[in-house]
Amino acid sequence: MPEQYCAQYVEASKQIADGLTQAGIQLGEHLKPLLDAMQPLFNAMDAAIKAQYPYYWRVKTRFPERFKTPCKVLTRGKRNNCLVQFMDGFRIITSRNYIRRWK
């Protein structure tokens, strides 16, 4: 899912560019390559997130606001449960079925 976050960054930059164009501010040709040049930076950011948080929350029924949020497993317990920590420090004990490893 880091590709999802990268896509969100690229989409946001395109929305900014479109908003400026609609407001009557034309983007110079020198800014378009800059947006394209930012793509490797977004990829590197996603790789860093993936390295620190190798899992993501995959369910919408429990904590729907955390859906597809990066997380990491701190400990594994018996009976298929684990202690999960999200990027903002929130921790929860949950079933291992609720998380998936990034592809």
Protein backbone atom coordinates (compact mmCIF):
# COMPACT_ATOMS: atom_id res chain seq x y z
CA MET A 1 0.00 0.00 0.00
CA PRO A 2 2.86 2.50 -0.08
CA GLU A 3 1.91 2.91 -3.72
CA GLN A 4 -1.41 4.22 -2.43
CA TYR A 5 0.30 6.91 -0.38
CA CYS A 6 2.55 7.81 -3.30
CA ALA A 7 -0.51 8.06 -5.52
CA GLN A 8 -2.14 10.34 -2.94
CA TYR A 9 0.87 12.69 -3.01
CA VAL A 10 0.90 12.78 -6.79
CA GLU A 11 -2.86 13.29 -6.92
CA ALA A 12 -2.63 16.14 -4.40
CA SER A 13 0.06 17.87 -6.45
CA LYS A 14 -2.07 17.51 -9.59
CA GLN A 15 -5.09 18.93 -7.75
CA ILE A 16 -2.99 21.91 -6.66
CA ALA A 17 -1.86 22.43 -10.23
CA ASP A 18 -5.44 22.17 -11.52
CA GLY A 19 -6.67 24.56 -8.82
CA LEU A 20 -4.05 27.12 -9.78
CA THR A 21 -4.98 26.75 -13.43
CA GLN A 22 -8.69 27.24 -12.66
CA ALA A 23 -7.84 30.32 -10.60
CA GLY A 24 -6.18 31.83 -13.65
CA ILE A 25 -2.61 31.10 -12.59
CA GLN A 26 -0.85 29.22 -15.32
CA LEU A 27 1.87 26.78 -14.36
CA GLY A 28 5.02 27.44 -16.25
CA GLU A 29 6.61 24.63 -18.17
CA HIS A 30 9.41 24.68 -15.59
CA LEU A 31 7.03 23.48 -12.81
CA LYS A 32 5.74 20.39 -14.60
CA PRO A 33 9.15 18.67 -14.61
CA LEU A 34 9.46 19.58 -10.94
CA LEU A 35 6.27 17.67 -10.16
CA ASP A 36 7.57 14.72 -12.16
CA ALA A 37 10.93 14.95 -10.40
CA MET A 38 9.18 14.68 -7.03
CA GLN A 39 7.97 11.17 -7.87
CA PRO A 40 11.21 9.44 -6.71
CA LEU A 41 10.99 11.38 -3.45
CA PHE A 42 7.48 10.07 -2.88
CA ASN A 43 8.68 6.55 -3.68
CA ALA A 44 11.51 6.90 -1.16
CA MET A 45 9.08 8.16 1.49
CA ASP A 46 6.82 5.19 0.86
CA ALA A 47 9.75 2.78 1.10
CA ALA A 48 10.69 4.32 4.45
CA ILE A 49 7.15 3.94 5.75
CA LYS A 50 7.07 0.35 4.52
CA ALA A 51 10.36 -0.44 6.26
CA GLN A 52 9.26 0.95 9.63
CA TYR A 53 5.65 -0.22 9.48
CA PRO A 54 5.57 -3.48 7.49
CA TYR A 55 1.84 -4.11 8.03
CA TYR A 56 -1.42 -2.27 7.39
CA TRP A 57 -4.86 -2.41 9.05
CA ARG A 58 -7.15 -4.19 6.61
CA VAL A 59 -10.64 -4.12 8.15
CA LYS A 60 -13.32 -1.45 8.07
CA THR A 61 -15.66 -2.95 10.67
CA ARG A 62 -13.37 -2.28 13.62
CA PHE A 63 -11.69 1.14 13.72
CA PRO A 64 -12.81 2.17 10.21
CA GLU A 65 -10.75 5.38 10.45
CA ARG A 66 -7.63 3.18 10.56
CA PHE A 67 -8.45 1.33 7.33
CA LYS A 68 -5.24 0.85 5.26
CA THR A 69 -3.19 2.66 7.91
CA PRO A 70 0.44 1.51 8.32
CA CYS A 71 1.20 -0.35 11.55
CA LYS A 72 3.72 -2.71 13.08
CA VAL A 73 3.44 -5.77 15.29
CA LEU A 74 5.13 -5.31 18.65
CA THR A 75 4.43 -8.76 20.09
CA ARG A 76 2.59 -11.87 19.05
CA GLY A 77 0.50 -13.80 21.51
CA LYS A 78 -1.27 -17.09 21.70
CA ARG A 79 -4.57 -17.76 20.00
CA ASN A 80 -3.72 -15.71 16.90
CA ASN A 81 -3.54 -12.29 18.59
CA CYS A 82 -0.93 -9.54 18.56
CA LEU A 83 -0.11 -6.09 19.91
CA VAL A 84 -0.18 -3.59 17.05
CA GLN A 85 1.16 -0.04 17.04
CA PHE A 86 0.15 2.58 14.48
CA MET A 87 2.23 5.50 13.24
CA ASP A 88 0.61 7.91 15.71
CA GLY A 89 1.49 5.68 18.70
CA PHE A 90 -1.98 4.17 19.18
CA ARG A 91 -1.74 0.55 20.35
CA ILE A 92 -4.31 -2.24 20.27
CA ILE A 93 -4.41 -5.97 20.91
CA THR A 94 -6.18 -7.60 18.02
CA SER A 95 -6.43 -10.68 15.86
CA ARG A 96 -3.63 -11.18 13.36
CA ASN A 97 -6.33 -11.57 10.72
CA TYR A 98 -6.95 -7.81 10.96
CA ILE A 99 -3.53 -6.88 9.60
CA ARG A 100 -1.73 -7.70 6.37
CA ARG A 101 1.86 -7.34 5.21
CA TRP A 102 2.50 -4.83 2.40
CA LYS A 103 2.89 -6.41 -1.04
